[in-house]
Amino acid sequence: MIMVGNKQLPPNTFKDLVPYIKANASKLSLANAGIGSASHLCGLLFQSAIQTELTTVPYKGAAPALTDILGGQVSLLCDQTTNLAGHLKAGSVKPYAAMQARRVEAFKDVPTAQEQGLPGIEVKVWHAMYAPKGTPKPVIDKLSAALQKSVTDPVFRAKMAELGAEAVPAQRATPDSLRNYLGAEINKWTPVIKKAGVYAD
């Protein structure tokens, strides 16, 4: 996830962005890709971290939110690099911060929010493969084996890196690993959502 702004915003760095937001909060808007999306959660966490409420504008997906960022109708957007990659490379949006503990490999020139004095910002989008409840174990095992093979494919990994994404190691592409990770994510985000509730729509 990366926090970006429209090209008309005066601040060019995250260091300048935060005081600018605090001074102009009533005039600024924070777009998201829809209520409950990772983009929305990122915005909630950001507002909570800087203790400033912005006018949030929920969209039906990242594409219309990006359209309005490009057109200057909204001020800021926190979204996943796979959606932002083309615009970041083209320089059509202002990148302010990677919203995770380390920089995004494909956009190493974008510092993290943590590096820039905002600790505790860690928002990662991840994807998983699911099957209907009751799917026979041999079918699950076959799907899992195919997934493990896919995530080690060099061409696939290179394409993911190009988009600012990262394929998990093969040992994490298993039902047990996903179950454990999902449980940890639920435990992590439940208190964040409750704490940031004051900034929700």
N, C-alpha and C. Protein backbone atom coordinates (compact mmCIF):
# COMPACT_ATOMS: atom_id res chain seq x y z
N MET A 1 0.84 -1.19 0.00
CA MET A 1 0.00 0.00 0.00
C MET A 1 0.88 1.24 0.00
N ILE A 2 0.49 2.23 -0.80
CA ILE A 2 1.20 3.50 -0.87
C ILE A 2 0.19 4.64 -0.78
N MET A 3 0.53 5.65 0.01
CA MET A 3 -0.30 6.85 0.11
C MET A 3 0.11 7.80 -1.01
N VAL A 4 -0.85 8.17 -1.84
CA VAL A 4 -0.57 9.10 -2.94
C VAL A 4 -1.52 10.29 -2.87
N GLY A 5 -1.11 11.37 -3.54
CA GLY A 5 -1.96 12.54 -3.61
C GLY A 5 -2.07 13.03 -5.05
N ASN A 6 -3.01 13.92 -5.30
CA ASN A 6 -3.10 14.47 -6.65
C ASN A 6 -1.95 15.45 -6.87
N LYS A 7 -1.65 15.71 -8.11
CA LYS A 7 -0.47 16.53 -8.45
C LYS A 7 -0.60 17.99 -8.02
N GLN A 8 -1.83 18.43 -7.71
CA GLN A 8 -2.03 19.82 -7.33
C GLN A 8 -1.74 20.09 -5.84
N LEU A 9 -1.61 19.03 -5.06
CA LEU A 9 -1.34 19.23 -3.63
C LEU A 9 0.03 19.89 -3.44
N PRO A 10 0.12 20.92 -2.62
CA PRO A 10 1.40 21.61 -2.43
C PRO A 10 2.52 20.76 -1.84
N PRO A 11 2.27 19.92 -0.81
CA PRO A 11 3.38 19.17 -0.22
C PRO A 11 3.99 18.17 -1.21
N ASN A 12 5.31 18.09 -1.20
CA ASN A 12 6.00 17.13 -2.07
C ASN A 12 6.56 15.94 -1.29
N THR A 13 6.56 16.06 0.04
CA THR A 13 7.07 14.98 0.88
C THR A 13 6.07 14.66 1.98
N PHE A 14 6.21 13.49 2.54
CA PHE A 14 5.34 13.08 3.63
C PHE A 14 5.57 13.97 4.85
N LYS A 15 6.82 14.37 5.06
CA LYS A 15 7.16 15.24 6.18
C LYS A 15 6.36 16.55 6.12
N ASP A 16 6.20 17.06 4.91
CA ASP A 16 5.42 18.30 4.74
C ASP A 16 3.92 18.03 4.68
N LEU A 17 3.56 16.80 4.27
CA LEU A 17 2.15 16.47 4.10
C LEU A 17 1.38 16.48 5.42
N VAL A 18 1.95 15.87 6.45
CA VAL A 18 1.21 15.74 7.71
C VAL A 18 0.85 17.10 8.32
N PRO A 19 1.78 18.05 8.47
CA PRO A 19 1.36 19.37 8.99
C PRO A 19 0.40 20.10 8.05
N TYR A 20 0.55 19.87 6.74
CA TYR A 20 -0.37 20.49 5.78
C TYR A 20 -1.78 19.96 6.00
N ILE A 21 -1.90 18.65 6.22
CA ILE A 21 -3.21 18.05 6.48
C ILE A 21 -3.82 18.64 7.74
N LYS A 22 -3.02 18.72 8.80
CA LYS A 22 -3.53 19.23 10.07
C LYS A 22 -4.03 20.68 9.95
N ALA A 23 -3.36 21.44 9.09
CA ALA A 23 -3.74 22.85 8.92
C ALA A 23 -4.90 23.04 7.96
N ASN A 24 -5.14 22.03 7.11
CA ASN A 24 -6.16 22.19 6.06
C ASN A 24 -7.15 21.03 6.01
N ALA A 25 -7.32 20.34 7.13
CA ALA A 25 -8.13 19.11 7.15
C ALA A 25 -9.53 19.31 6.57
N SER A 26 -10.16 20.42 6.87
CA SER A 26 -11.53 20.64 6.42
C SER A 26 -11.64 20.81 4.90
N LYS A 27 -10.51 21.11 4.25
CA LYS A 27 -10.52 21.32 2.80
C LYS A 27 -10.05 20.10 2.02
N LEU A 28 -9.59 19.08 2.74
CA LEU A 28 -8.99 17.92 2.06
C LEU A 28 -9.90 16.71 2.12
N SER A 29 -9.74 15.83 1.15
CA SER A 29 -10.54 14.60 1.10
C SER A 29 -9.63 13.39 0.94
N LEU A 30 -10.08 12.29 1.50
CA LEU A 30 -9.34 11.03 1.45
C LEU A 30 -10.21 9.99 0.76
N ALA A 31 -9.84 9.62 -0.45
CA ALA A 31 -10.62 8.64 -1.22
C ALA A 31 -10.29 7.23 -0.75
N ASN A 32 -11.20 6.32 -0.97
CA ASN A 32 -10.91 4.90 -0.76
C ASN A 32 -11.67 4.07 -1.78
N ALA A 33 -11.27 2.82 -1.93
CA ALA A 33 -11.84 1.96 -2.96
C ALA A 33 -13.16 1.32 -2.55
N GLY A 34 -13.69 1.71 -1.40
CA GLY A 34 -14.96 1.17 -0.94
C GLY A 34 -14.92 0.84 0.54
N ILE A 35 -16.06 0.96 1.20
CA ILE A 35 -16.13 0.67 2.63
C ILE A 35 -15.71 -0.77 2.89
N GLY A 36 -14.77 -0.93 3.82
CA GLY A 36 -14.29 -2.27 4.18
C GLY A 36 -13.11 -2.73 3.35
N SER A 37 -12.75 -1.98 2.32
CA SER A 37 -11.60 -2.37 1.48
C SER A 37 -10.30 -2.08 2.23
N ALA A 38 -9.21 -2.66 1.74
CA ALA A 38 -7.90 -2.40 2.34
C ALA A 38 -7.58 -0.91 2.24
N SER A 39 -8.00 -0.30 1.16
CA SER A 39 -7.82 1.13 0.97
C SER A 39 -8.51 1.93 2.07
N HIS A 40 -9.71 1.51 2.43
CA HIS A 40 -10.47 2.16 3.49
C HIS A 40 -9.77 1.98 4.84
N LEU A 41 -9.34 0.73 5.12
CA LEU A 41 -8.66 0.43 6.38
C LEU A 41 -7.36 1.22 6.51
N CYS A 42 -6.66 1.35 5.39
CA CYS A 42 -5.42 2.12 5.38
C CYS A 42 -5.70 3.57 5.75
N GLY A 43 -6.76 4.12 5.19
CA GLY A 43 -7.15 5.49 5.49
C GLY A 43 -7.54 5.67 6.95
N LEU A 44 -8.25 4.69 7.50
CA LEU A 44 -8.63 4.74 8.91
C LEU A 44 -7.40 4.75 9.80
N LEU A 45 -6.46 3.86 9.49
CA LEU A 45 -5.24 3.76 10.29
C LEU A 45 -4.43 5.05 10.20
N PHE A 46 -4.36 5.61 9.02
CA PHE A 46 -3.62 6.85 8.80
C PHE A 46 -4.23 8.00 9.60
N GLN A 47 -5.54 8.16 9.51
CA GLN A 47 -6.22 9.24 10.24
C GLN A 47 -6.04 9.07 11.75
N SER A 48 -6.11 7.82 12.20
CA SER A 48 -5.92 7.55 13.62
C SER A 48 -4.50 7.89 14.05
N ALA A 49 -3.52 7.55 13.20
CA ALA A 49 -2.11 7.78 13.53
C ALA A 49 -1.78 9.27 13.61
N ILE A 50 -2.38 10.07 12.72
CA ILE A 50 -2.08 11.51 12.75
C ILE A 50 -3.12 12.29 13.56
N GLN A 51 -4.11 11.54 14.11
CA GLN A 51 -5.15 12.12 14.96
C GLN A 51 -5.85 13.31 14.29
N THR A 52 -6.17 13.10 13.03
CA THR A 52 -6.85 14.13 12.25
C THR A 52 -7.89 13.47 11.35
N GLU A 53 -9.09 14.01 11.36
CA GLU A 53 -10.16 13.46 10.54
C GLU A 53 -10.28 14.22 9.23
N LEU A 54 -10.33 13.46 8.15
CA LEU A 54 -10.51 14.02 6.82
C LEU A 54 -11.88 13.64 6.29
N THR A 55 -12.34 14.34 5.28
CA THR A 55 -13.58 13.94 4.61
C THR A 55 -13.25 12.73 3.76
N THR A 56 -13.84 11.58 4.10
CA THR A 56 -13.57 10.37 3.34
C THR A 56 -14.59 10.21 2.21
N VAL A 57 -14.10 9.76 1.09
CA VAL A 57 -14.94 9.59 -0.10
C VAL A 57 -14.83 8.15 -0.58
N PRO A 58 -15.83 7.32 -0.26
CA PRO A 58 -15.77 5.93 -0.71
C PRO A 58 -16.21 5.78 -2.17
N TYR A 59 -15.47 4.99 -2.92
CA TYR A 59 -15.79 4.72 -4.32
C TYR A 59 -16.15 3.24 -4.49
N LYS A 60 -16.68 2.92 -5.64
CA LYS A 60 -16.97 1.52 -5.95
C LYS A 60 -15.78 0.92 -6.69
N GLY A 61 -14.67 0.81 -5.98
CA GLY A 61 -13.46 0.25 -6.57
C GLY A 61 -12.35 1.28 -6.70
N ALA A 62 -11.14 0.77 -6.94
CA ALA A 62 -9.96 1.63 -7.03
C ALA A 62 -9.96 2.48 -8.30
N ALA A 63 -10.47 1.95 -9.40
CA ALA A 63 -10.40 2.66 -10.68
C ALA A 63 -11.09 4.03 -10.64
N PRO A 64 -12.34 4.14 -10.17
CA PRO A 64 -12.96 5.46 -10.11
C PRO A 64 -12.28 6.39 -9.10
N ALA A 65 -11.74 5.83 -8.01
CA ALA A 65 -11.02 6.65 -7.04
C ALA A 65 -9.77 7.23 -7.68
N LEU A 66 -9.05 6.42 -8.44
CA LEU A 66 -7.85 6.88 -9.14
C LEU A 66 -8.19 7.94 -10.19
N THR A 67 -9.30 7.75 -10.87
CA THR A 67 -9.72 8.72 -11.88
C THR A 67 -9.88 10.11 -11.25
N ASP A 68 -10.48 10.13 -10.06
CA ASP A 68 -10.70 11.42 -9.40
C ASP A 68 -9.44 11.98 -8.75
N ILE A 69 -8.52 11.13 -8.36
CA ILE A 69 -7.21 11.61 -7.88
C ILE A 69 -6.48 12.27 -9.06
N LEU A 70 -6.48 11.61 -10.21
CA LEU A 70 -5.82 12.15 -11.39
C LEU A 70 -6.45 13.48 -11.83
N GLY A 71 -7.76 13.57 -11.67
CA GLY A 71 -8.48 14.79 -12.07
C GLY A 71 -8.47 15.88 -11.02
N GLY A 72 -7.92 15.58 -9.84
CA GLY A 72 -7.85 16.58 -8.78
C GLY A 72 -9.14 16.78 -7.99
N GLN A 73 -10.12 15.87 -8.18
CA GLN A 73 -11.39 16.01 -7.45
C GLN A 73 -11.26 15.60 -5.98
N VAL A 74 -10.31 14.71 -5.69
CA VAL A 74 -10.03 14.29 -4.32
C VAL A 74 -8.54 14.47 -4.05
N SER A 75 -8.20 14.58 -2.78
CA SER A 75 -6.82 14.95 -2.42
C SER A 75 -5.88 13.76 -2.29
N LEU A 76 -6.30 12.74 -1.53
CA LEU A 76 -5.41 11.64 -1.17
C LEU A 76 -6.06 10.30 -1.37
N LEU A 77 -5.24 9.29 -1.53
CA LEU A 77 -5.71 7.91 -1.67
C LEU A 77 -4.62 6.98 -1.17
N CYS A 78 -5.00 6.02 -0.38
CA CYS A 78 -4.09 4.95 0.02
C CYS A 78 -4.56 3.70 -0.69
N ASP A 79 -3.72 3.14 -1.55
CA ASP A 79 -4.15 1.96 -2.29
C ASP A 79 -2.97 1.05 -2.57
N GLN A 80 -3.28 -0.14 -3.08
CA GLN A 80 -2.24 -1.13 -3.31
C GLN A 80 -1.41 -0.81 -4.55
N THR A 81 -0.16 -1.19 -4.49
CA THR A 81 0.78 -0.87 -5.57
C THR A 81 0.37 -1.47 -6.90
N THR A 82 -0.33 -2.60 -6.89
CA THR A 82 -0.74 -3.21 -8.15
C THR A 82 -1.70 -2.30 -8.91
N ASN A 83 -2.47 -1.48 -8.19
CA ASN A 83 -3.36 -0.51 -8.83
C ASN A 83 -2.63 0.77 -9.20
N LEU A 84 -1.63 1.14 -8.39
CA LEU A 84 -0.96 2.42 -8.55
C LEU A 84 0.28 2.37 -9.43
N ALA A 85 0.81 1.18 -9.70
CA ALA A 85 2.11 1.04 -10.36
C ALA A 85 2.27 1.90 -11.62
N GLY A 86 1.31 1.82 -12.53
CA GLY A 86 1.40 2.56 -13.78
C GLY A 86 1.44 4.06 -13.56
N HIS A 87 0.63 4.54 -12.62
CA HIS A 87 0.58 5.97 -12.33
C HIS A 87 1.83 6.45 -11.60
N LEU A 88 2.39 5.59 -10.74
CA LEU A 88 3.63 5.94 -10.05
C LEU A 88 4.78 6.05 -11.05
N LYS A 89 4.83 5.10 -11.98
CA LYS A 89 5.89 5.12 -13.00
C LYS A 89 5.75 6.31 -13.94
N ALA A 90 4.50 6.69 -14.22
CA ALA A 90 4.25 7.80 -15.14
C ALA A 90 4.39 9.16 -14.45
N GLY A 91 4.44 9.15 -13.11
CA GLY A 91 4.54 10.41 -12.37
C GLY A 91 3.26 11.21 -12.36
N SER A 92 2.12 10.53 -12.54
CA SER A 92 0.85 11.25 -12.59
C SER A 92 0.19 11.43 -11.23
N VAL A 93 0.79 10.85 -10.18
CA VAL A 93 0.34 11.07 -8.80
C VAL A 93 1.58 11.36 -7.95
N LYS A 94 1.36 11.98 -6.79
CA LYS A 94 2.47 12.24 -5.87
C LYS A 94 2.54 11.11 -4.85
N PRO A 95 3.63 10.35 -4.83
CA PRO A 95 3.76 9.30 -3.81
C PRO A 95 4.30 9.91 -2.51
N TYR A 96 3.62 9.62 -1.40
CA TYR A 96 4.04 10.18 -0.12
C TYR A 96 4.70 9.15 0.80
N ALA A 97 4.13 7.95 0.87
CA ALA A 97 4.71 6.97 1.79
C ALA A 97 4.23 5.56 1.49
N ALA A 98 5.15 4.61 1.65
CA ALA A 98 4.77 3.20 1.64
C ALA A 98 4.21 2.90 3.02
N MET A 99 3.03 2.31 3.05
CA MET A 99 2.34 2.12 4.33
C MET A 99 2.62 0.73 4.90
N GLN A 100 3.92 0.43 5.05
CA GLN A 100 4.33 -0.85 5.61
C GLN A 100 5.71 -0.68 6.23
N ALA A 101 6.21 -1.74 6.85
CA ALA A 101 7.46 -1.66 7.60
C ALA A 101 8.68 -1.45 6.72
N ARG A 102 8.65 -1.97 5.50
CA ARG A 102 9.80 -1.80 4.60
C ARG A 102 9.34 -1.25 3.26
N ARG A 103 10.28 -0.68 2.53
CA ARG A 103 9.93 -0.07 1.25
C ARG A 103 9.48 -1.13 0.23
N VAL A 104 8.63 -0.71 -0.69
CA VAL A 104 8.16 -1.59 -1.76
C VAL A 104 9.32 -1.78 -2.74
N GLU A 105 9.63 -3.01 -3.04
CA GLU A 105 10.79 -3.33 -3.87
C GLU A 105 10.80 -2.58 -5.19
N ALA A 106 9.65 -2.49 -5.85
CA ALA A 106 9.59 -1.84 -7.16
C ALA A 106 9.62 -0.31 -7.08
N PHE A 107 9.40 0.22 -5.86
CA PHE A 107 9.37 1.69 -5.69
C PHE A 107 10.19 2.08 -4.46
N LYS A 108 11.47 1.70 -4.53
CA LYS A 108 12.35 1.89 -3.37
C LYS A 108 12.62 3.36 -3.05
N ASP A 109 12.31 4.25 -4.00
CA ASP A 109 12.53 5.68 -3.73
C ASP A 109 11.41 6.28 -2.88
N VAL A 110 10.35 5.50 -2.62
CA VAL A 110 9.25 5.98 -1.77
C VAL A 110 9.50 5.51 -0.34
N PRO A 111 9.83 6.41 0.57
CA PRO A 111 10.09 6.02 1.97
C PRO A 111 8.82 5.49 2.63
N THR A 112 9.01 4.75 3.70
CA THR A 112 7.86 4.26 4.45
C THR A 112 7.37 5.35 5.41
N ALA A 113 6.12 5.21 5.84
CA ALA A 113 5.58 6.15 6.83
C ALA A 113 6.35 6.03 8.14
N GLN A 114 6.77 4.81 8.45
CA GLN A 114 7.53 4.59 9.69
C GLN A 114 8.87 5.33 9.64
N GLU A 115 9.53 5.27 8.49
CA GLU A 115 10.80 5.99 8.33
C GLU A 115 10.62 7.48 8.53
N GLN A 116 9.44 7.96 8.20
CA GLN A 116 9.18 9.40 8.22
C GLN A 116 8.45 9.86 9.48
N GLY A 117 8.59 9.05 10.53
CA GLY A 117 8.10 9.47 11.83
C GLY A 117 6.70 9.07 12.21
N LEU A 118 6.11 8.11 11.49
CA LEU A 118 4.76 7.67 11.84
C LEU A 118 4.81 6.17 12.15
N PRO A 119 5.17 5.81 13.38
CA PRO A 119 5.31 4.40 13.73
C PRO A 119 3.97 3.66 13.74
N GLY A 120 4.05 2.37 13.58
CA GLY A 120 2.86 1.53 13.70
C GLY A 120 2.02 1.42 12.44
N ILE A 121 2.49 1.99 11.34
CA ILE A 121 1.73 1.88 10.08
C ILE A 121 2.19 0.63 9.34
N GLU A 122 1.30 -0.32 9.22
CA GLU A 122 1.62 -1.58 8.53
C GLU A 122 0.34 -2.10 7.89
N VAL A 123 0.19 -1.83 6.61
CA VAL A 123 -1.00 -2.28 5.87
C VAL A 123 -0.55 -3.05 4.64
N LYS A 124 -0.85 -4.32 4.62
CA LYS A 124 -0.48 -5.15 3.47
C LYS A 124 -1.72 -5.78 2.87
N VAL A 125 -1.79 -5.75 1.56
CA VAL A 125 -2.87 -6.44 0.85
C VAL A 125 -2.33 -7.81 0.48
N TRP A 126 -3.11 -8.82 0.72
CA TRP A 126 -2.68 -10.16 0.36
C TRP A 126 -3.85 -10.92 -0.27
N HIS A 127 -3.50 -11.90 -1.06
CA HIS A 127 -4.52 -12.68 -1.78
C HIS A 127 -4.34 -14.16 -1.47
N ALA A 128 -5.42 -14.88 -1.50
CA ALA A 128 -5.37 -16.32 -1.21
C ALA A 128 -6.34 -17.07 -2.11
N MET A 129 -6.16 -18.36 -2.17
CA MET A 129 -7.05 -19.21 -2.96
C MET A 129 -7.94 -19.99 -1.99
N TYR A 130 -9.24 -19.96 -2.25
CA TYR A 130 -10.19 -20.67 -1.39
C TYR A 130 -10.99 -21.69 -2.22
N ALA A 131 -11.50 -22.69 -1.54
CA ALA A 131 -12.37 -23.70 -2.18
C ALA A 131 -13.62 -23.84 -1.31
N PRO A 132 -14.71 -24.30 -1.88
CA PRO A 132 -15.94 -24.45 -1.09
C PRO A 132 -15.74 -25.42 0.08
N LYS A 133 -16.44 -25.15 1.18
CA LYS A 133 -16.39 -26.04 2.34
C LYS A 133 -16.83 -27.44 1.91
N GLY A 134 -16.09 -28.45 2.36
CA GLY A 134 -16.44 -29.82 2.00
C GLY A 134 -15.72 -30.34 0.77
N THR A 135 -14.89 -29.51 0.15
CA THR A 135 -14.11 -29.97 -1.01
C THR A 135 -13.21 -31.12 -0.56
N PRO A 136 -13.21 -32.25 -1.29
CA PRO A 136 -12.41 -33.42 -0.89
C PRO A 136 -10.93 -33.08 -0.74
N LYS A 137 -10.29 -33.70 0.26
CA LYS A 137 -8.88 -33.42 0.55
C LYS A 137 -7.96 -33.66 -0.65
N PRO A 138 -8.16 -34.72 -1.45
CA PRO A 138 -7.28 -34.89 -2.61
C PRO A 138 -7.33 -33.71 -3.58
N VAL A 139 -8.51 -33.09 -3.70
CA VAL A 139 -8.64 -31.93 -4.58
C VAL A 139 -7.89 -30.74 -3.98
N ILE A 140 -8.06 -30.54 -2.66
CA ILE A 140 -7.34 -29.46 -1.97
C ILE A 140 -5.84 -29.65 -2.11
N ASP A 141 -5.38 -30.88 -1.92
CA ASP A 141 -3.94 -31.18 -2.02
C ASP A 141 -3.42 -30.88 -3.43
N LYS A 142 -4.21 -31.20 -4.43
CA LYS A 142 -3.80 -30.95 -5.82
C LYS A 142 -3.72 -29.45 -6.09
N LEU A 143 -4.72 -28.71 -5.63
CA LEU A 143 -4.72 -27.25 -5.79
C LEU A 143 -3.53 -26.62 -5.06
N SER A 144 -3.28 -27.11 -3.85
CA SER A 144 -2.18 -26.57 -3.05
C SER A 144 -0.84 -26.83 -3.72
N ALA A 145 -0.66 -28.02 -4.28
CA ALA A 145 0.59 -28.35 -4.98
C ALA A 145 0.78 -27.46 -6.20
N ALA A 146 -0.30 -27.21 -6.92
CA ALA A 146 -0.22 -26.34 -8.11
C ALA A 146 0.12 -24.91 -7.71
N LEU A 147 -0.45 -24.46 -6.59
CA LEU A 147 -0.18 -23.11 -6.11
C LEU A 147 1.28 -22.97 -5.67
N GLN A 148 1.78 -23.98 -4.97
CA GLN A 148 3.18 -23.96 -4.52
C GLN A 148 4.14 -23.91 -5.70
N LYS A 149 3.79 -24.62 -6.76
CA LYS A 149 4.63 -24.60 -7.96
C LYS A 149 4.57 -23.21 -8.62
N SER A 150 3.38 -22.62 -8.64
CA SER A 150 3.19 -21.32 -9.30
C SER A 150 3.99 -20.21 -8.63
N VAL A 151 3.98 -20.19 -7.29
CA VAL A 151 4.64 -19.08 -6.59
C VAL A 151 6.17 -19.15 -6.66
N THR A 152 6.69 -20.28 -7.14
CA THR A 152 8.15 -20.37 -7.30
C THR A 152 8.58 -20.13 -8.75
N ASP A 153 7.60 -19.95 -9.66
CA ASP A 153 7.91 -19.73 -11.07
C ASP A 153 8.59 -18.37 -11.24
N PRO A 154 9.79 -18.34 -11.83
CA PRO A 154 10.53 -17.07 -11.97
C PRO A 154 9.79 -15.99 -12.76
N VAL A 155 9.08 -16.39 -13.81
CA VAL A 155 8.35 -15.41 -14.63
C VAL A 155 7.22 -14.78 -13.81
N PHE A 156 6.50 -15.63 -13.07
CA PHE A 156 5.41 -15.14 -12.22
C PHE A 156 5.95 -14.19 -11.15
N ARG A 157 7.03 -14.59 -10.49
CA ARG A 157 7.62 -13.77 -9.43
C ARG A 157 8.10 -12.42 -9.98
N ALA A 158 8.68 -12.45 -11.18
CA ALA A 158 9.17 -11.21 -11.80
C ALA A 158 8.01 -10.28 -12.12
N LYS A 159 6.91 -10.84 -12.61
CA LYS A 159 5.73 -10.03 -12.94
C LYS A 159 5.13 -9.40 -11.68
N MET A 160 5.08 -10.18 -10.60
CA MET A 160 4.57 -9.66 -9.34
C MET A 160 5.44 -8.50 -8.84
N ALA A 161 6.77 -8.69 -8.92
CA ALA A 161 7.69 -7.65 -8.47
C ALA A 161 7.53 -6.37 -9.28
N GLU A 162 7.28 -6.52 -10.57
CA GLU A 162 7.08 -5.37 -11.46
C GLU A 162 5.87 -4.54 -11.02
N LEU A 163 4.88 -5.22 -10.47
CA LEU A 163 3.65 -4.56 -10.02
C LEU A 163 3.75 -4.07 -8.58
N GLY A 164 4.92 -4.29 -7.97
CA GLY A 164 5.07 -3.89 -6.58
C GLY A 164 4.51 -4.90 -5.61
N ALA A 165 4.34 -6.14 -6.08
CA ALA A 165 3.82 -7.21 -5.23
C ALA A 165 4.91 -8.26 -5.02
N GLU A 166 4.64 -9.19 -4.13
CA GLU A 166 5.62 -10.21 -3.79
C GLU A 166 4.92 -11.55 -3.59
N ALA A 167 5.36 -12.57 -4.29
CA ALA A 167 4.80 -13.91 -4.11
C ALA A 167 5.35 -14.52 -2.83
N VAL A 168 4.51 -15.20 -2.08
CA VAL A 168 4.96 -15.82 -0.83
C VAL A 168 5.85 -17.02 -1.13
N PRO A 169 6.70 -17.42 -0.18
CA PRO A 169 7.47 -18.66 -0.36
C PRO A 169 6.53 -19.85 -0.47
N ALA A 170 6.96 -20.90 -1.14
CA ALA A 170 6.11 -22.08 -1.37
C ALA A 170 5.56 -22.66 -0.08
N GLN A 171 6.37 -22.65 0.98
CA GLN A 171 5.91 -23.25 2.25
C GLN A 171 4.74 -22.51 2.88
N ARG A 172 4.52 -21.25 2.43
CA ARG A 172 3.37 -20.50 2.95
C ARG A 172 2.11 -20.72 2.11
N ALA A 173 2.26 -21.35 0.95
CA ALA A 173 1.12 -21.59 0.06
C ALA A 173 0.45 -22.92 0.40
N THR A 174 0.03 -23.05 1.67
CA THR A 174 -0.63 -24.26 2.13
C THR A 174 -1.89 -23.89 2.92
N PRO A 175 -2.84 -24.81 3.02
CA PRO A 175 -4.06 -24.52 3.80
C PRO A 175 -3.77 -24.16 5.25
N ASP A 176 -2.86 -24.89 5.91
CA ASP A 176 -2.56 -24.62 7.32
C ASP A 176 -1.93 -23.25 7.49
N SER A 177 -1.01 -22.91 6.60
CA SER A 177 -0.35 -21.61 6.69
C SER A 177 -1.36 -20.48 6.51
N LEU A 178 -2.26 -20.63 5.53
CA LEU A 178 -3.28 -19.61 5.29
C LEU A 178 -4.19 -19.47 6.50
N ARG A 179 -4.58 -20.60 7.09
CA ARG A 179 -5.47 -20.57 8.25
C ARG A 179 -4.82 -19.79 9.40
N ASN A 180 -3.55 -20.05 9.65
CA ASN A 180 -2.84 -19.36 10.72
C ASN A 180 -2.69 -17.87 10.42
N TYR A 181 -2.37 -17.55 9.16
CA TYR A 181 -2.17 -16.15 8.79
C TYR A 181 -3.48 -15.38 8.86
N LEU A 182 -4.55 -16.00 8.40
CA LEU A 182 -5.87 -15.36 8.44
C LEU A 182 -6.27 -15.06 9.88
N GLY A 183 -6.03 -16.01 10.78
CA GLY A 183 -6.35 -15.79 12.19
C GLY A 183 -5.55 -14.64 12.77
N ALA A 184 -4.27 -14.56 12.40
CA ALA A 184 -3.41 -13.48 12.89
C ALA A 184 -3.87 -12.12 12.36
N GLU A 185 -4.31 -12.08 11.10
CA GLU A 185 -4.78 -10.82 10.51
C GLU A 185 -6.08 -10.35 11.17
N ILE A 186 -6.95 -11.29 11.48
CA ILE A 186 -8.21 -10.93 12.16
C ILE A 186 -7.89 -10.35 13.53
N ASN A 187 -6.97 -11.00 14.26
CA ASN A 187 -6.58 -10.51 15.58
C ASN A 187 -5.91 -9.14 15.51
N LYS A 188 -5.14 -8.91 14.44
CA LYS A 188 -4.43 -7.64 14.27
C LYS A 188 -5.40 -6.50 13.95
N TRP A 189 -6.34 -6.74 13.02
CA TRP A 189 -7.17 -5.65 12.52
C TRP A 189 -8.40 -5.35 13.37
N THR A 190 -8.87 -6.31 14.15
CA THR A 190 -10.06 -6.06 14.97
C THR A 190 -9.87 -4.87 15.90
N PRO A 191 -8.79 -4.81 16.70
CA PRO A 191 -8.64 -3.63 17.57
C PRO A 191 -8.35 -2.34 16.80
N VAL A 192 -7.67 -2.45 15.65
CA VAL A 192 -7.38 -1.26 14.84
C VAL A 192 -8.67 -0.64 14.34
N ILE A 193 -9.57 -1.49 13.83
CA ILE A 193 -10.85 -1.00 13.31
C ILE A 193 -11.68 -0.37 14.42
N LYS A 194 -11.68 -1.02 15.60
CA LYS A 194 -12.44 -0.47 16.72
C LYS A 194 -11.86 0.85 17.17
N LYS A 195 -10.52 0.94 17.25
CA LYS A 195 -9.86 2.16 17.69
C LYS A 195 -10.06 3.29 16.69
N ALA A 196 -10.03 2.95 15.41
CA ALA A 196 -10.16 3.97 14.37
C ALA A 196 -11.60 4.27 13.99
N GLY A 197 -12.52 3.65 14.70
CA GLY A 197 -13.95 3.79 14.37
C GLY A 197 -14.44 5.22 14.31
N VAL A 198 -13.82 6.09 15.08
CA VAL A 198 -14.23 7.50 15.07
C VAL A 198 -14.02 8.13 13.71
N TYR A 199 -13.13 7.54 12.89
CA TYR A 199 -12.85 8.09 11.56
C TYR A 199 -13.61 7.35 10.46
N ALA A 200 -14.45 6.40 10.84
CA ALA A 200 -15.20 5.63 9.84
C ALA A 200 -16.41 6.42 9.37
N ASP A 201 -16.92 6.03 8.18
CA ASP A 201 -18.14 6.69 7.68
C ASP A 201 -19.34 6.23 8.50
